[in-house]
Amino acid sequence: MQDAYQTLVSYLLPEGMLEHFDSTDVLQDPAGLQLQLEEKNTLPLAYQDQRCESNGFLPEIKLQDFPIRGQKVTLCIKRRRWQLLDTQEVIARDWNLVQQGARMISEFAAFLKAVLG
């Protein structure tokens, strides 16, 4: 069942989104559907060789997406942050850098640009 759910969700989200985010919940209320997404706990490449620990999430971002069968759709996105254990610095993935990488597809890059400006 999980595979069917992931397949369905992958068609509803911008292409490539599930490579970087996990779908954690789908809520329905009078305002429409809310798709809950959390950034996966994979360190940015620049910090792979450092001692880090997950340090929660940045404030949630809410975006209106295309309606589904007459329901308004909101993407509720939680971006992860980490703390470097040696310096106590708090870091987060630089989505502008990721966007420039060859592995980004144009729809996902446009999505991130809309989110992050």
Protein backbone atom coordinates (compact mmCIF):
# COMPACT_ATOMS: atom_id res chain seq x y z
CA MET A 1 0.00 0.00 0.00
CA GLN A 2 2.86 2.37 0.79
CA ASP A 3 4.20 2.06 -2.77
CA ALA A 4 0.78 2.95 -4.22
CA TYR A 5 0.55 5.97 -1.89
CA GLN A 6 4.04 7.18 -2.87
CA THR A 7 3.26 6.74 -6.56
CA LEU A 8 0.04 8.73 -6.26
CA VAL A 9 1.70 11.50 -4.25
CA SER A 10 4.57 11.72 -6.76
CA TYR A 11 2.03 12.64 -9.46
CA LEU A 12 0.50 15.37 -7.30
CA LEU A 13 3.76 17.10 -6.38
CA PRO A 14 6.28 18.93 -8.54
CA GLU A 15 8.49 16.38 -10.29
CA GLY A 16 11.48 15.33 -8.21
CA MET A 17 10.01 16.62 -4.94
CA LEU A 18 10.01 13.22 -3.23
CA GLU A 19 13.76 12.91 -3.84
CA HIS A 20 14.30 15.63 -1.22
CA PHE A 21 11.14 15.56 0.91
CA ASP A 22 9.01 12.90 2.62
CA SER A 23 5.24 13.13 2.48
CA THR A 24 4.18 12.82 6.13
CA ASP A 25 0.45 13.46 6.06
CA VAL A 26 -2.53 14.62 4.02
CA LEU A 27 -5.14 16.63 5.88
CA GLN A 28 -8.54 17.76 4.68
CA ASP A 29 -10.42 20.69 6.17
CA PRO A 30 -12.99 23.20 4.88
CA ALA A 31 -10.15 25.19 3.27
CA GLY A 32 -9.06 22.18 1.19
CA LEU A 33 -6.22 19.65 1.22
CA GLN A 34 -2.95 20.16 3.04
CA LEU A 35 -0.02 18.01 1.91
CA GLN A 36 2.55 17.85 4.74
CA LEU A 37 6.18 17.54 3.56
CA GLU A 38 9.41 17.27 5.57
CA GLU A 39 12.90 17.57 4.15
CA LYS A 40 14.75 14.26 4.34
CA ASN A 41 17.48 13.96 6.96
CA THR A 42 20.38 13.91 4.50
CA LEU A 43 23.18 16.37 5.14
CA PRO A 44 24.17 18.91 2.48
CA LEU A 45 27.20 17.64 0.55
CA ALA A 46 29.45 20.41 1.89
CA TYR A 47 29.03 19.03 5.44
CA GLN A 48 29.22 15.27 4.81
CA ASP A 49 32.63 14.96 6.53
CA GLN A 50 31.63 16.91 9.67
CA ARG A 51 29.96 15.75 12.85
CA CYS A 52 26.36 16.96 12.73
CA GLU A 53 23.05 16.23 14.35
CA SER A 54 19.55 17.03 13.23
CA ASN A 55 18.35 20.20 14.94
CA GLY A 56 14.66 20.32 14.07
CA PHE A 57 13.07 22.35 11.31
CA LEU A 58 12.89 25.91 10.05
CA PRO A 59 9.46 27.59 10.22
CA GLU A 60 6.95 25.86 7.96
CA ILE A 61 6.32 27.35 4.53
CA LYS A 62 2.80 27.13 3.06
CA LEU A 63 2.27 27.32 -0.70
CA GLN A 64 -0.89 27.17 -2.74
CA ASP A 65 -0.66 24.51 -5.44
CA PHE A 66 -2.95 23.46 -8.27
CA PRO A 67 -6.43 22.36 -7.14
CA ILE A 68 -7.29 18.66 -7.15
CA ARG A 69 -10.89 17.77 -8.07
CA GLY A 70 -12.18 21.13 -6.90
CA GLN A 71 -10.19 21.08 -3.62
CA LYS A 72 -7.71 23.85 -2.88
CA VAL A 73 -4.27 22.35 -2.24
CA THR A 74 -1.68 23.74 0.16
CA LEU A 75 1.85 22.35 0.35
CA CYS A 76 3.07 22.62 3.95
CA ILE A 77 6.87 22.35 3.73
CA LYS A 78 9.21 21.87 6.67
CA ARG A 79 12.88 22.41 5.81
CA ARG A 80 15.40 20.69 8.05
CA ARG A 81 18.31 22.25 9.93
CA TRP A 82 21.39 20.65 11.50
CA GLN A 83 23.91 21.68 14.13
CA LEU A 84 27.62 21.22 13.57
CA LEU A 85 28.85 19.59 16.77
CA ASP A 86 32.38 21.05 16.65
CA THR A 87 31.40 24.72 16.12
CA GLN A 88 27.73 24.70 17.29
CA GLU A 89 26.85 26.44 13.99
CA VAL A 90 23.32 25.77 12.74
CA ILE A 91 23.09 25.03 9.02
CA ALA A 92 20.36 24.35 6.45
CA ARG A 93 20.53 23.22 2.85
CA ASP A 94 21.13 26.08 0.41
CA TRP A 95 18.34 25.42 -2.10
CA ASN A 96 19.74 28.10 -4.44
CA LEU A 97 22.90 25.99 -4.81
CA VAL A 98 20.89 22.81 -5.31
CA GLN A 99 18.86 24.55 -8.01
CA GLN A 100 22.05 25.24 -10.00
CA GLY A 101 23.09 21.57 -9.91
CA ALA A 102 22.65 19.30 -12.90
CA ARG A 103 20.41 16.89 -10.98
CA MET A 104 17.65 19.48 -10.59
CA ILE A 105 14.84 19.37 -13.09
CA SER A 106 13.31 22.65 -14.22
CA GLU A 107 9.89 22.20 -12.56
CA PHE A 108 11.45 21.48 -9.16
CA ALA A 109 13.88 24.39 -9.57
CA ALA A 110 10.98 26.72 -10.40
CA PHE A 111 9.10 25.40 -7.38
CA LEU A 112 12.05 26.13 -5.07
CA LYS A 113 12.51 29.58 -6.57
CA ALA A 114 8.86 30.32 -5.76
CA VAL A 115 9.35 29.08 -2.20
CA LEU A 116 12.65 30.77 -1.45
CA GLY A 117 12.48 33.79 -3.75
